[in-house]
N, C-alpha and C. Protein backbone atom coordinates (compact mmCIF):
# COMPACT_ATOMS: atom_id res chain seq x y z
N ALA A 1 -37.26 27.11 38.95
CA ALA A 1 -35.89 26.75 39.77
C ALA A 1 -36.25 27.32 41.32
N THR A 2 -35.73 26.48 42.42
CA THR A 2 -35.92 27.10 43.53
C THR A 2 -34.18 27.14 44.37
N LEU A 3 -34.21 28.27 44.78
CA LEU A 3 -33.17 28.97 45.52
C LEU A 3 -33.10 29.03 47.13
N ALA A 4 -32.57 28.25 47.74
CA ALA A 4 -32.95 28.55 49.33
C ALA A 4 -31.31 28.70 49.76
N ARG A 5 -31.00 29.57 50.83
CA ARG A 5 -30.16 29.80 51.76
C ARG A 5 -28.88 30.14 50.82
N VAL A 6 -29.27 31.18 49.87
CA VAL A 6 -28.04 31.76 48.90
C VAL A 6 -27.59 33.17 49.62
N HIS A 7 -26.23 33.76 49.54
CA HIS A 7 -26.23 34.90 49.72
C HIS A 7 -25.35 35.47 48.63
N VAL A 8 -25.75 36.61 47.62
CA VAL A 8 -25.36 37.09 46.82
C VAL A 8 -24.48 38.69 47.27
N VAL A 9 -23.38 38.67 46.99
CA VAL A 9 -22.74 39.85 47.67
C VAL A 9 -22.09 40.61 46.33
N GLY A 10 -22.24 41.85 46.19
CA GLY A 10 -21.32 42.70 45.17
C GLY A 10 -21.57 42.48 43.58
N ALA A 11 -22.75 41.84 43.16
CA ALA A 11 -22.61 41.44 41.72
C ALA A 11 -23.22 42.84 41.09
N VAL A 12 -23.03 42.88 39.88
CA VAL A 12 -23.08 44.09 38.83
C VAL A 12 -23.80 43.36 37.45
N ALA A 13 -24.88 44.30 37.21
CA ALA A 13 -25.61 43.62 35.86
C ALA A 13 -25.08 44.70 35.18
N GLY A 14 -24.76 44.70 33.71
CA GLY A 14 -24.85 45.90 32.93
C GLY A 14 -23.38 46.49 33.28
N GLY A 15 -23.50 47.75 32.49
CA GLY A 15 -22.32 48.58 32.30
C GLY A 15 -22.72 49.70 31.48
N ALA A 16 -21.86 50.52 30.93
CA ALA A 16 -22.07 51.89 30.34
C ALA A 16 -22.67 51.34 28.77
N ASP A 17 -22.14 50.15 28.57
CA ASP A 17 -22.62 49.94 27.35
C ASP A 17 -23.90 49.21 27.47
N PRO A 18 -25.22 49.42 26.77
CA PRO A 18 -26.59 48.97 26.95
C PRO A 18 -26.68 47.29 26.37
N ARG A 19 -25.78 47.06 25.60
CA ARG A 19 -25.90 45.66 25.02
C ARG A 19 -25.37 44.82 25.80
N LEU A 20 -24.70 45.21 27.01
CA LEU A 20 -24.20 44.33 28.19
C LEU A 20 -25.58 43.98 29.34
N GLY A 21 -26.84 44.37 29.08
CA GLY A 21 -27.65 44.30 29.93
C GLY A 21 -28.16 45.20 30.87
N GLY A 22 -28.08 44.71 31.99
CA GLY A 22 -28.32 45.70 33.09
C GLY A 22 -29.43 45.59 34.07
N TYR A 23 -30.12 44.25 33.89
CA TYR A 23 -31.19 43.63 34.75
C TYR A 23 -30.66 42.94 35.74
N GLY A 24 -31.41 43.23 37.16
CA GLY A 24 -31.45 42.23 38.04
C GLY A 24 -29.87 42.28 38.35
N GLY A 25 -29.10 42.94 39.20
CA GLY A 25 -27.86 42.75 39.94
C GLY A 25 -27.28 41.22 40.42
N ALA A 26 -28.47 40.73 41.16
CA ALA A 26 -28.27 39.19 41.87
C ALA A 26 -28.49 38.32 40.81
N LEU A 27 -30.22 38.64 40.23
CA LEU A 27 -31.06 37.36 39.71
C LEU A 27 -31.62 38.22 38.73
N ALA A 28 -31.83 37.62 37.54
CA ALA A 28 -33.00 37.98 36.38
C ALA A 28 -33.58 37.04 36.06
N LEU A 29 -34.72 36.98 35.98
CA LEU A 29 -35.68 36.08 35.27
C LEU A 29 -36.57 36.63 34.08
N GLU A 30 -36.34 35.97 33.11
CA GLU A 30 -36.81 36.43 31.85
C GLU A 30 -37.57 35.21 30.84
N ALA A 31 -38.57 35.49 30.44
CA ALA A 31 -39.38 34.64 29.60
C ALA A 31 -38.63 34.03 28.13
N SER A 32 -38.88 32.77 27.75
CA SER A 32 -37.84 32.19 26.97
C SER A 32 -38.30 32.77 25.54
N ARG A 33 -37.89 32.45 24.35
CA ARG A 33 -38.31 33.14 23.27
C ARG A 33 -39.40 31.98 22.70
N SER A 34 -39.10 30.90 23.34
CA SER A 34 -40.35 30.26 22.72
C SER A 34 -41.79 30.40 23.68
N GLY A 35 -41.81 31.70 24.72
CA GLY A 35 -43.13 31.92 25.14
C GLY A 35 -43.30 31.37 26.51
N ALA A 36 -42.39 30.22 26.78
CA ALA A 36 -42.62 29.62 28.12
C ALA A 36 -42.38 30.54 29.43
N ALA A 37 -43.40 30.36 30.30
CA ALA A 37 -43.23 31.62 31.36
C ALA A 37 -42.43 30.55 32.40
N PRO A 38 -41.41 31.12 32.86
CA PRO A 38 -40.54 30.69 34.23
C PRO A 38 -41.06 30.87 35.62
N THR A 39 -40.78 30.06 36.37
CA THR A 39 -41.09 30.33 37.81
C THR A 39 -39.67 30.06 38.50
N LEU A 40 -39.89 31.16 39.84
CA LEU A 40 -38.69 31.12 40.51
C LEU A 40 -39.03 31.12 41.82
N ALA A 41 -38.66 30.33 42.91
CA ALA A 41 -38.68 30.61 44.09
C ALA A 41 -37.39 30.51 44.99
N VAL A 42 -37.60 31.51 45.74
CA VAL A 42 -36.23 31.99 46.65
C VAL A 42 -36.61 31.99 48.09
N GLU A 43 -35.65 31.21 48.71
CA GLU A 43 -36.07 30.69 50.06
C GLU A 43 -34.99 30.99 51.19
N ALA A 44 -34.93 32.06 52.22
CA ALA A 44 -34.01 32.23 53.40
C ALA A 44 -32.84 32.58 52.82
N SER A 45 -33.07 33.76 51.94
CA SER A 45 -31.66 34.04 51.28
C SER A 45 -31.37 35.54 51.33
N THR A 46 -30.26 35.92 51.10
CA THR A 46 -29.96 37.77 51.17
C THR A 46 -28.94 37.99 50.14
N PHE A 47 -29.60 38.98 49.58
CA PHE A 47 -29.03 39.87 48.67
C PHE A 47 -28.20 40.99 49.38
N GLU A 48 -27.00 41.13 48.93
CA GLU A 48 -26.25 42.21 49.51
C GLU A 48 -25.41 43.05 48.95
N SER A 49 -25.70 44.52 48.36
CA SER A 49 -24.78 45.34 47.92
C SER A 49 -24.77 44.91 46.61
N ASN A 50 -25.76 44.60 45.69
CA ASN A 50 -25.83 44.26 44.26
C ASN A 50 -26.42 45.61 43.51
N VAL A 51 -25.88 45.37 42.37
CA VAL A 51 -26.00 46.78 41.53
C VAL A 51 -26.72 46.30 39.95
N ALA A 52 -27.62 46.85 39.60
CA ALA A 52 -27.91 47.00 38.40
C ALA A 52 -28.36 47.97 37.49
N ARG A 53 -27.49 48.31 36.45
CA ARG A 53 -27.45 49.62 35.46
C ARG A 53 -28.77 50.17 35.19
N ILE A 54 -29.55 49.28 35.07
CA ILE A 54 -31.08 49.62 34.76
C ILE A 54 -32.14 49.18 35.60
N ALA A 55 -32.25 48.26 36.14
CA ALA A 55 -33.40 47.87 37.08
C ALA A 55 -33.02 46.56 37.71
N GLY A 56 -33.74 46.65 39.09
CA GLY A 56 -33.62 45.48 39.85
C GLY A 56 -32.30 45.14 40.43
N GLY A 57 -32.03 45.87 41.62
CA GLY A 57 -30.71 45.89 42.04
C GLY A 57 -30.16 44.48 42.54
N ALA A 58 -31.65 43.69 43.24
CA ALA A 58 -31.09 42.32 43.64
C ALA A 58 -31.84 41.24 42.78
N LEU A 59 -33.34 41.67 42.26
CA LEU A 59 -34.00 40.83 41.37
C LEU A 59 -34.45 41.90 39.99
N ALA A 60 -34.69 41.29 39.14
CA ALA A 60 -35.49 41.65 37.82
C ALA A 60 -36.37 40.87 37.52
N LEU A 61 -37.39 40.70 37.56
CA LEU A 61 -38.30 40.00 36.83
C LEU A 61 -39.12 40.57 35.40
N ARG A 62 -38.65 39.76 34.39
CA ARG A 62 -39.26 40.27 32.95
C ARG A 62 -39.88 39.17 32.22
N GLY A 63 -40.89 38.36 33.14
CA GLY A 63 -41.71 37.14 32.66
C GLY A 63 -41.68 36.37 33.56
N GLY A 64 -42.90 35.68 33.37
CA GLY A 64 -42.99 34.61 34.37
C GLY A 64 -43.59 35.00 35.72
N SER A 65 -42.93 34.04 37.13
CA SER A 65 -43.82 34.61 38.06
C SER A 65 -42.75 34.01 39.34
N ALA A 66 -42.61 34.85 40.51
CA ALA A 66 -41.31 34.77 41.12
C ALA A 66 -42.06 34.80 42.71
N ALA A 67 -41.72 34.03 43.44
CA ALA A 67 -42.03 33.82 45.20
C ALA A 67 -40.90 33.78 45.83
N LEU A 68 -40.53 34.87 46.71
CA LEU A 68 -39.76 35.66 47.72
C LEU A 68 -40.30 35.16 49.03
N HIS A 69 -39.54 34.08 49.75
CA HIS A 69 -40.00 33.88 51.24
C HIS A 69 -39.02 34.17 52.15
N ASN A 70 -38.90 34.74 53.15
CA ASN A 70 -37.86 35.09 53.97
C ASN A 70 -36.68 35.42 53.66
N VAL A 71 -36.65 36.35 52.59
CA VAL A 71 -35.55 36.93 51.94
C VAL A 71 -35.06 38.63 52.32
N THR A 72 -33.89 38.63 52.44
CA THR A 72 -33.56 39.94 52.84
C THR A 72 -32.70 40.86 51.81
N SER A 73 -33.18 41.94 51.15
CA SER A 73 -31.96 43.04 50.28
C SER A 73 -31.33 44.13 51.22
N PHE A 74 -30.25 44.06 50.83
CA PHE A 74 -29.74 45.28 51.83
C PHE A 74 -28.55 45.98 50.87
N GLY A 75 -28.95 47.23 50.68
CA GLY A 75 -27.98 47.86 50.14
C GLY A 75 -27.86 47.77 48.64
N GLY A 76 -29.12 47.44 47.82
CA GLY A 76 -29.15 47.16 46.42
C GLY A 76 -29.10 48.71 45.85
N GLU A 77 -28.56 48.64 44.57
CA GLU A 77 -28.87 50.12 43.45
C GLU A 77 -29.31 49.71 42.23
N ALA A 78 -30.08 50.71 41.57
CA ALA A 78 -30.39 50.69 40.34
C ALA A 78 -31.20 51.80 40.10
N GLU A 79 -31.25 52.31 38.68
CA GLU A 79 -32.09 53.22 38.35
C GLU A 79 -33.46 53.21 38.80
N ARG A 80 -34.08 51.66 38.50
CA ARG A 80 -35.41 51.52 38.88
C ARG A 80 -35.47 50.41 39.96
N GLY A 81 -35.86 50.35 41.05
CA GLY A 81 -36.08 49.42 41.77
C GLY A 81 -34.82 48.89 42.55
N GLY A 82 -34.39 49.75 43.74
CA GLY A 82 -33.05 49.30 44.00
C GLY A 82 -33.10 47.80 44.87
N GLY A 83 -34.29 47.49 45.18
CA GLY A 83 -34.24 46.16 45.66
C GLY A 83 -34.71 45.01 44.61
N GLY A 84 -35.68 45.39 44.13
CA GLY A 84 -36.58 44.54 43.08
C GLY A 84 -37.17 45.59 42.00
N ALA A 85 -37.29 44.99 40.40
CA ALA A 85 -38.02 45.51 39.60
C ALA A 85 -38.63 44.63 39.05
N VAL A 86 -40.36 44.82 38.99
CA VAL A 86 -41.30 43.81 38.08
C VAL A 86 -41.72 44.41 37.03
N LEU A 87 -40.67 44.05 36.04
CA LEU A 87 -41.33 44.47 34.56
C LEU A 87 -42.17 43.76 33.68
N GLU A 88 -42.17 42.66 33.91
CA GLU A 88 -43.45 41.50 33.24
C GLU A 88 -43.56 40.61 34.11
N GLY A 89 -45.03 40.17 34.35
CA GLY A 89 -44.92 38.85 35.39
C GLY A 89 -45.62 39.16 36.50
N GLU A 90 -45.60 38.33 37.64
CA GLU A 90 -46.04 38.59 38.95
C GLU A 90 -45.10 38.08 40.27
N VAL A 91 -45.16 38.61 41.44
CA VAL A 91 -44.18 38.24 42.23
C VAL A 91 -44.92 38.09 43.77
N GLU A 92 -44.77 37.37 44.32
CA GLU A 92 -45.16 37.51 45.58
C GLU A 92 -43.70 37.59 46.72
N LEU A 93 -44.05 38.47 47.46
CA LEU A 93 -42.95 38.84 48.72
C LEU A 93 -43.44 38.76 49.89
N ARG A 94 -43.35 37.66 50.89
CA ARG A 94 -43.72 37.29 52.00
C ARG A 94 -42.70 37.27 53.04
N HIS A 95 -42.88 37.94 54.02
CA HIS A 95 -41.56 38.23 55.14
C HIS A 95 -40.34 38.60 54.27
N VAL A 96 -40.45 39.79 53.72
CA VAL A 96 -39.21 39.86 53.15
C VAL A 96 -39.10 41.34 53.59
N THR A 97 -37.24 41.35 53.74
CA THR A 97 -37.06 42.75 54.22
C THR A 97 -36.06 43.43 52.87
N LEU A 98 -36.54 44.66 52.62
CA LEU A 98 -35.85 45.70 51.69
C LEU A 98 -35.40 46.87 52.43
N ALA A 99 -34.25 46.66 52.67
CA ALA A 99 -33.56 47.84 53.51
C ALA A 99 -32.20 48.56 52.73
N GLY A 100 -32.53 49.65 53.06
CA GLY A 100 -31.03 50.41 52.48
C GLY A 100 -30.67 50.41 51.05
N ASP A 101 -31.90 49.87 50.46
CA ASP A 101 -31.81 49.88 48.87
C ASP A 101 -32.03 51.20 48.22
N ASP A 102 -31.67 51.57 47.19
CA ASP A 102 -31.63 52.84 46.53
C ASP A 102 -31.91 52.68 45.17
N ALA A 103 -32.71 53.69 44.55
CA ALA A 103 -32.91 54.14 43.44
C ALA A 103 -33.69 55.23 42.77
N ARG A 104 -33.63 55.72 41.59
CA ARG A 104 -33.83 57.05 41.21
C ARG A 104 -35.34 56.95 41.03
N GLU A 105 -35.96 55.54 40.67
CA GLU A 105 -37.24 55.41 40.95
C GLU A 105 -37.77 54.11 41.76
N GLY A 106 -38.38 54.14 42.83
CA GLY A 106 -38.45 52.97 43.64
C GLY A 106 -37.37 52.83 44.28
N ALA A 107 -37.02 53.21 45.70
CA ALA A 107 -35.94 52.89 46.37
C ALA A 107 -36.00 51.32 46.48
N ALA A 108 -37.07 50.58 46.91
CA ALA A 108 -37.20 49.07 47.29
C ALA A 108 -37.86 48.45 46.21
N LEU A 109 -38.83 49.04 45.51
CA LEU A 109 -39.48 48.24 44.26
C LEU A 109 -39.95 49.13 43.33
N PHE A 110 -39.71 48.87 42.48
CA PHE A 110 -40.12 49.17 41.11
C PHE A 110 -41.48 48.28 40.17
N THR A 111 -42.69 48.52 40.03
CA THR A 111 -43.37 47.56 39.49
C THR A 111 -43.94 48.25 38.21
N ASP A 112 -44.12 47.80 36.82
CA ASP A 112 -44.08 48.09 35.73
C ASP A 112 -45.79 48.15 35.73
N GLU A 113 -46.19 48.77 34.74
CA GLU A 113 -47.62 48.72 34.39
C GLU A 113 -47.88 47.42 33.58
N GLY A 114 -48.81 46.76 34.03
CA GLY A 114 -49.60 45.48 33.52
C GLY A 114 -49.02 44.45 34.66
N THR A 115 -47.94 44.44 35.61
CA THR A 115 -47.84 43.44 36.22
C THR A 115 -48.42 43.39 37.62
N ARG A 116 -48.19 42.39 38.38
CA ARG A 116 -48.97 42.11 39.54
C ARG A 116 -48.09 41.79 40.76
N THR A 117 -48.12 42.25 41.87
CA THR A 117 -47.08 42.39 42.89
C THR A 117 -47.88 41.95 44.18
N ARG A 118 -47.76 41.09 44.96
CA ARG A 118 -48.31 40.92 46.15
C ARG A 118 -47.33 41.03 47.46
N LEU A 119 -47.57 41.96 48.16
CA LEU A 119 -46.57 42.11 49.48
C LEU A 119 -47.41 41.72 50.91
N GLU A 120 -46.55 40.65 51.42
CA GLU A 120 -47.26 40.28 52.82
C GLU A 120 -46.07 40.44 53.75
N ASN A 121 -46.49 40.92 55.12
CA ASN A 121 -45.36 40.67 56.32
C ASN A 121 -44.37 41.22 55.91
N SER A 122 -44.34 42.05 55.33
CA SER A 122 -42.81 42.52 54.70
C SER A 122 -42.55 44.22 55.34
N LEU A 123 -41.16 44.28 55.18
CA LEU A 123 -40.86 45.63 55.72
C LEU A 123 -39.89 46.51 54.30
N LEU A 124 -40.15 47.71 54.21
CA LEU A 124 -39.55 48.53 53.03
C LEU A 124 -38.84 49.51 54.07
N VAL A 125 -37.65 49.73 54.19
CA VAL A 125 -36.91 50.75 54.94
C VAL A 125 -35.92 51.24 54.09
N THR A 126 -36.16 52.63 53.36
CA THR A 126 -35.42 53.11 52.64
C THR A 126 -35.62 54.86 53.12
N LEU A 127 -34.57 55.56 52.49
CA LEU A 127 -34.94 56.80 52.76
C LEU A 127 -35.45 57.44 51.59
N GLY A 128 -35.55 57.04 50.43
CA GLY A 128 -36.34 57.62 49.29
C GLY A 128 -37.52 56.92 49.40
N ALA A 129 -38.58 57.36 48.50
CA ALA A 129 -39.65 56.81 48.10
C ALA A 129 -39.79 54.99 48.09
N PRO A 130 -40.16 54.41 48.85
CA PRO A 130 -40.09 52.51 48.21
C PRO A 130 -40.36 52.24 47.50
N CYS A 131 -41.58 52.85 46.85
CA CYS A 131 -42.21 52.19 45.80
C CYS A 131 -42.41 53.18 44.30
N ALA A 132 -42.41 52.63 43.09
CA ALA A 132 -42.64 53.55 42.23
C ALA A 132 -43.19 52.61 41.19
N GLY A 133 -43.91 53.15 39.72
CA GLY A 133 -44.46 52.28 38.98
C GLY A 133 -45.71 52.15 39.22
N GLU A 134 -46.44 52.04 37.61
CA GLU A 134 -47.87 51.89 37.46
C GLU A 134 -48.82 50.31 37.80
N GLY A 135 -47.54 49.49 38.15
CA GLY A 135 -48.30 48.28 38.27
C GLY A 135 -48.95 47.86 39.61
N GLU A 136 -49.90 46.88 39.49
CA GLU A 136 -51.04 46.32 40.59
C GLU A 136 -50.09 45.98 41.99
N ARG A 137 -50.24 46.58 42.74
CA ARG A 137 -49.44 46.13 44.23
C ARG A 137 -50.67 45.96 45.49
N THR A 138 -50.65 44.73 45.72
CA THR A 138 -51.71 44.41 46.78
C THR A 138 -50.96 43.78 47.92
N GLY A 139 -52.07 43.46 48.98
CA GLY A 139 -50.98 42.72 50.25
C GLY A 139 -51.56 43.07 51.72
N THR A 140 -51.10 42.79 52.51
CA THR A 140 -51.16 43.12 53.99
C THR A 140 -50.21 42.78 54.65
N GLY A 141 -50.16 43.46 55.82
CA GLY A 141 -49.12 43.62 56.82
C GLY A 141 -47.58 43.83 56.40
N VAL A 142 -47.61 45.27 55.71
CA VAL A 142 -46.68 45.82 55.12
C VAL A 142 -46.22 47.08 56.15
N LEU A 143 -45.14 47.43 56.47
CA LEU A 143 -44.38 48.62 57.03
C LEU A 143 -43.25 48.95 56.48
N GLN A 144 -43.82 50.61 56.03
CA GLN A 144 -42.81 51.30 55.30
C GLN A 144 -42.10 52.66 56.09
N ARG A 145 -40.98 52.85 55.76
CA ARG A 145 -40.27 53.98 56.50
C ARG A 145 -41.41 55.49 56.39
N GLY A 146 -41.70 55.65 55.30
CA GLY A 146 -42.69 56.79 54.63
C GLY A 146 -42.89 56.66 53.29
N GLY A 147 -43.40 57.71 52.81
CA GLY A 147 -43.44 57.99 51.18
C GLY A 147 -44.90 57.46 51.21
N GLU A 148 -45.33 57.76 49.80
CA GLU A 148 -46.43 57.08 49.48
C GLU A 148 -47.08 55.56 49.85
N PRO A 149 -48.03 55.11 50.20
CA PRO A 149 -48.04 53.74 50.64
C PRO A 149 -48.18 53.04 49.57
N CYS A 150 -47.03 51.87 49.56
CA CYS A 150 -46.84 50.78 48.46
C CYS A 150 -48.22 50.29 48.08
N ILE A 151 -48.86 49.91 49.22
CA ILE A 151 -49.94 49.16 49.20
C ILE A 151 -51.11 49.62 49.77
N PRO A 152 -52.63 49.63 49.37
CA PRO A 152 -53.73 50.27 50.09
C PRO A 152 -53.57 49.62 51.88
N GLY A 153 -53.48 50.66 52.78
CA GLY A 153 -53.44 50.09 54.42
C GLY A 153 -52.07 50.02 54.64
N ALA A 154 -50.96 50.37 54.03
CA ALA A 154 -49.68 50.29 54.40
C ALA A 154 -49.27 51.12 55.73
N LEU A 155 -48.73 50.46 56.78
CA LEU A 155 -48.02 51.22 57.94
C LEU A 155 -46.88 51.92 57.90
N THR A 156 -46.84 53.14 58.44
CA THR A 156 -45.69 54.07 58.36
C THR A 156 -45.18 53.41 60.09
N GLY A 157 -43.76 53.54 60.09
CA GLY A 157 -43.16 53.49 61.61
C GLY A 157 -41.76 53.26 61.52
N ASP A 158 -41.16 53.07 62.57
CA ASP A 158 -39.63 52.71 62.80
C ASP A 158 -39.73 51.33 63.10
N ALA A 159 -39.05 50.75 61.80
CA ALA A 159 -38.83 49.19 62.20
C ALA A 159 -37.48 48.89 63.36
N ARG A 160 -37.07 49.88 63.32
CA ARG A 160 -35.52 49.26 64.33
C ARG A 160 -34.55 48.64 63.90
N LEU A 161 -34.42 48.52 62.48
CA LEU A 161 -33.75 47.40 62.09
C LEU A 161 -32.10 47.99 62.73
N ALA A 162 -31.43 46.63 62.49
CA ALA A 162 -30.01 46.89 63.00
C ALA A 162 -29.12 47.54 61.68
N PRO A 163 -28.20 48.74 61.76
CA PRO A 163 -27.62 49.17 61.02
C PRO A 163 -26.81 48.46 59.84
N GLU A 164 -26.68 47.26 60.37
CA GLU A 164 -25.64 46.33 59.43
C GLU A 164 -25.99 44.86 59.63
N LEU A 165 -25.61 44.06 58.67
CA LEU A 165 -26.22 42.66 58.44
C LEU A 165 -25.39 42.10 59.86
N ASP A 166 -26.12 41.14 60.39
CA ASP A 166 -26.03 40.05 61.61
C ASP A 166 -25.16 38.67 60.84
N ARG A 167 -23.72 38.86 60.64
CA ARG A 167 -23.09 37.94 60.15
C ARG A 167 -22.87 36.54 60.86
N SER A 168 -23.33 36.62 61.98
CA SER A 168 -23.29 35.28 62.81
C SER A 168 -24.20 34.41 62.37
N ALA A 169 -25.54 35.03 61.51
CA ALA A 169 -26.23 33.93 61.01
C ALA A 169 -25.97 33.63 59.37
N ASP A 170 -26.11 32.61 58.77
CA ASP A 170 -25.72 31.96 57.73
C ASP A 170 -27.22 31.76 56.78
N PRO A 171 -27.53 32.54 55.64
CA PRO A 171 -26.98 33.76 55.49
C PRO A 171 -27.09 34.69 56.41
N PRO A 172 -26.71 35.90 56.42
CA PRO A 172 -26.71 37.21 57.46
C PRO A 172 -27.97 37.60 57.18
N VAL A 173 -28.54 38.46 58.38
CA VAL A 173 -29.93 39.16 58.68
C VAL A 173 -29.91 40.20 59.01
N LEU A 174 -31.02 40.81 58.99
CA LEU A 174 -30.83 42.40 59.79
C LEU A 174 -32.14 42.08 61.08
N PRO A 175 -31.29 42.27 61.75
CA PRO A 175 -32.33 42.13 63.33
C PRO A 175 -33.21 43.02 63.46
N LEU A 176 -34.37 43.08 64.04
CA LEU A 176 -35.25 43.93 64.74
C LEU A 176 -34.93 44.33 65.81
N GLY A 177 -34.73 45.80 66.27
CA GLY A 177 -34.53 46.16 67.55
C GLY A 177 -35.55 46.15 68.40
N GLU A 178 -35.50 46.40 69.77
CA GLU A 178 -36.41 46.47 70.65
C GLU A 178 -37.27 47.47 70.74
N GLY A 179 -38.38 47.77 70.50
CA GLY A 179 -39.33 48.43 70.20
C GLY A 179 -39.81 48.81 68.64
N SER A 180 -39.42 47.63 67.93
CA SER A 180 -39.51 47.96 66.74
C SER A 180 -41.10 47.84 66.37
N ALA A 181 -41.42 48.76 65.57
CA ALA A 181 -42.71 48.54 64.96
C ALA A 181 -43.23 47.36 63.98
N ALA A 182 -42.42 46.79 64.16
CA ALA A 182 -42.66 45.42 62.93
C ALA A 182 -42.92 44.20 64.08
N ILE A 183 -42.73 44.28 65.34
CA ILE A 183 -43.09 43.41 66.41
C ILE A 183 -44.34 43.03 66.13
N ASP A 184 -44.82 41.47 65.93
CA ASP A 184 -46.42 41.49 66.35
C ASP A 184 -47.50 42.02 65.59
N ALA A 185 -46.61 42.60 64.49
CA ALA A 185 -47.66 43.39 63.42
C ALA A 185 -48.00 42.42 62.11
N GLY A 186 -47.60 40.92 61.99
CA GLY A 186 -47.94 40.63 60.93
C GLY A 186 -49.34 39.98 60.87
N ASP A 187 -49.75 39.95 59.87
CA ASP A 187 -51.15 39.07 59.66
C ASP A 187 -50.87 37.61 60.00
N ALA A 188 -51.73 37.54 60.75
CA ALA A 188 -51.73 35.90 61.22
C ALA A 188 -52.01 35.13 60.29
N ALA A 189 -52.77 35.39 59.31
CA ALA A 189 -53.40 34.26 58.05
C ALA A 189 -52.06 34.26 57.58
N ARG A 190 -51.32 35.08 57.18
CA ARG A 190 -50.17 34.87 56.33
C ARG A 190 -48.78 34.58 56.88
N CYS A 191 -48.33 34.38 57.98
CA CYS A 191 -47.43 34.26 58.66
C CYS A 191 -46.70 32.62 58.26
N LEU A 192 -45.47 32.51 57.97
CA LEU A 192 -44.56 31.84 57.53
C LEU A 192 -44.26 31.00 58.99
N PRO A 193 -44.09 29.59 59.05
CA PRO A 193 -43.80 29.12 59.88
C PRO A 193 -42.44 29.04 61.03
N GLN A 194 -41.53 29.55 59.89
CA GLN A 194 -40.03 29.94 60.57
C GLN A 194 -39.63 31.42 59.92
N ASP A 195 -38.72 31.90 60.39
CA ASP A 195 -37.81 33.23 59.99
C ASP A 195 -36.89 32.55 58.78
N GLN A 196 -35.94 33.86 58.63
CA GLN A 196 -34.77 33.41 57.68
C GLN A 196 -33.98 32.30 58.28
N ARG A 197 -33.55 32.10 59.52
CA ARG A 197 -32.70 31.35 60.31
C ARG A 197 -33.32 30.09 60.43
N GLY A 198 -34.48 29.93 60.21
CA GLY A 198 -35.18 28.77 60.99
C GLY A 198 -35.79 28.79 62.29
N THR A 199 -36.00 30.29 62.81
CA THR A 199 -36.33 30.23 64.24
C THR A 199 -38.19 30.04 63.79
N PRO A 200 -38.59 29.58 64.57
CA PRO A 200 -40.22 29.67 64.77
C PRO A 200 -40.68 30.77 64.97
N ARG A 201 -41.98 30.78 63.99
CA ARG A 201 -42.86 32.14 64.26
C ARG A 201 -44.18 31.69 65.04
N PRO A 202 -44.65 32.63 65.99
CA PRO A 202 -45.70 32.42 66.59
C PRO A 202 -46.86 32.42 65.64
N PRO A 203 -47.69 31.76 65.40
CA PRO A 203 -48.79 31.81 64.40
C PRO A 203 -49.72 33.05 64.37
N GLU A 204 -50.29 33.14 65.96
CA GLU A 204 -50.82 34.20 66.26
C GLU A 204 -50.62 35.72 66.37
N ALA A 205 -48.90 35.92 66.21
CA ALA A 205 -48.43 37.14 66.07
C ALA A 205 -47.03 37.22 65.63
N CYS A 206 -46.96 36.97 64.57
CA CYS A 206 -45.38 37.10 64.01
C CYS A 206 -44.88 38.55 63.40
N ASP A 207 -43.77 38.67 63.60
CA ASP A 207 -42.95 40.21 63.37
C ASP A 207 -43.18 40.05 61.84
N LEU A 208 -42.71 41.31 61.34
CA LEU A 208 -42.71 41.61 59.81
C LEU A 208 -41.28 41.65 59.21
N GLY A 209 -41.18 41.20 58.15
CA GLY A 209 -39.77 41.15 57.60
C GLY A 209 -39.36 39.64 57.66
N ALA A 210 -38.13 39.48 57.42
CA ALA A 210 -37.38 38.36 57.25
C ALA A 210 -36.95 37.77 58.34
N PHE A 211 -36.90 38.54 59.46
CA PHE A 211 -36.29 38.16 60.83
C PHE A 211 -37.09 38.32 62.05
N GLU A 212 -37.37 36.96 62.69
CA GLU A 212 -38.56 37.08 63.98
C GLU A 212 -37.58 37.29 65.34
N ARG A 213 -37.77 38.50 65.64
CA ARG A 213 -37.16 39.12 67.34
C ARG A 213 -37.56 37.56 68.40
N GLY A 214 -38.71 37.39 68.65
CA GLY A 214 -39.13 36.61 69.62
C GLY A 214 -38.82 37.33 70.98
N GLU A 215 -38.89 36.39 72.05
CA GLU A 215 -38.52 36.78 73.26
C GLU A 215 -37.35 37.31 73.49
N THR A 216 -36.19 36.65 73.10
CA THR A 216 -35.03 36.59 73.23
C THR A 216 -34.27 37.47 71.87
N GLY A 217 -34.83 37.86 70.90
CA GLY A 217 -34.23 38.36 69.67
C GLY A 217 -33.57 37.44 69.19
């Protein structure tokens, strides 16, 4: 399946009764009983204020593979992985902004043992430790607010994200402020040609996250 330009707001997965589930406030990808491995692509989309009672405020991966390009998660909540939880399978996050998400384990991202997660040209801006779990995490061009590095060589700094979503864009985005450490910090080999809004990215020096500030912002 491929989802493009979607905006999921305020969805809740699960409840007090564990039989109600609780994985993936906005999206949950699970392997079928036949053993088939599903694949999911999400492009130019925003997940806002979604809640999972167990894992993955925006997305829970429980089998198969997923690729998220130019995606924003804002204000997600879960016990594990306020933005996303990779519990089985593998995921690629390229030019993704995970901001304002919160969880007891992995405010932005939880990756379980045996999983593989690749982060490229992405932002992890949370008050708590952004990543948790024993899964393999690799990548390049990642900026986080603080905490233990989510990937080897991750940068720390102030992304100067806007405090709220810019709703003049469809779907809404989180702009980078002037002087952001994310500006021109991308790995040129992994820059996508456009940002979440469709604004071109300069291939020689793209910004991190889903939003390309450019000369005028």
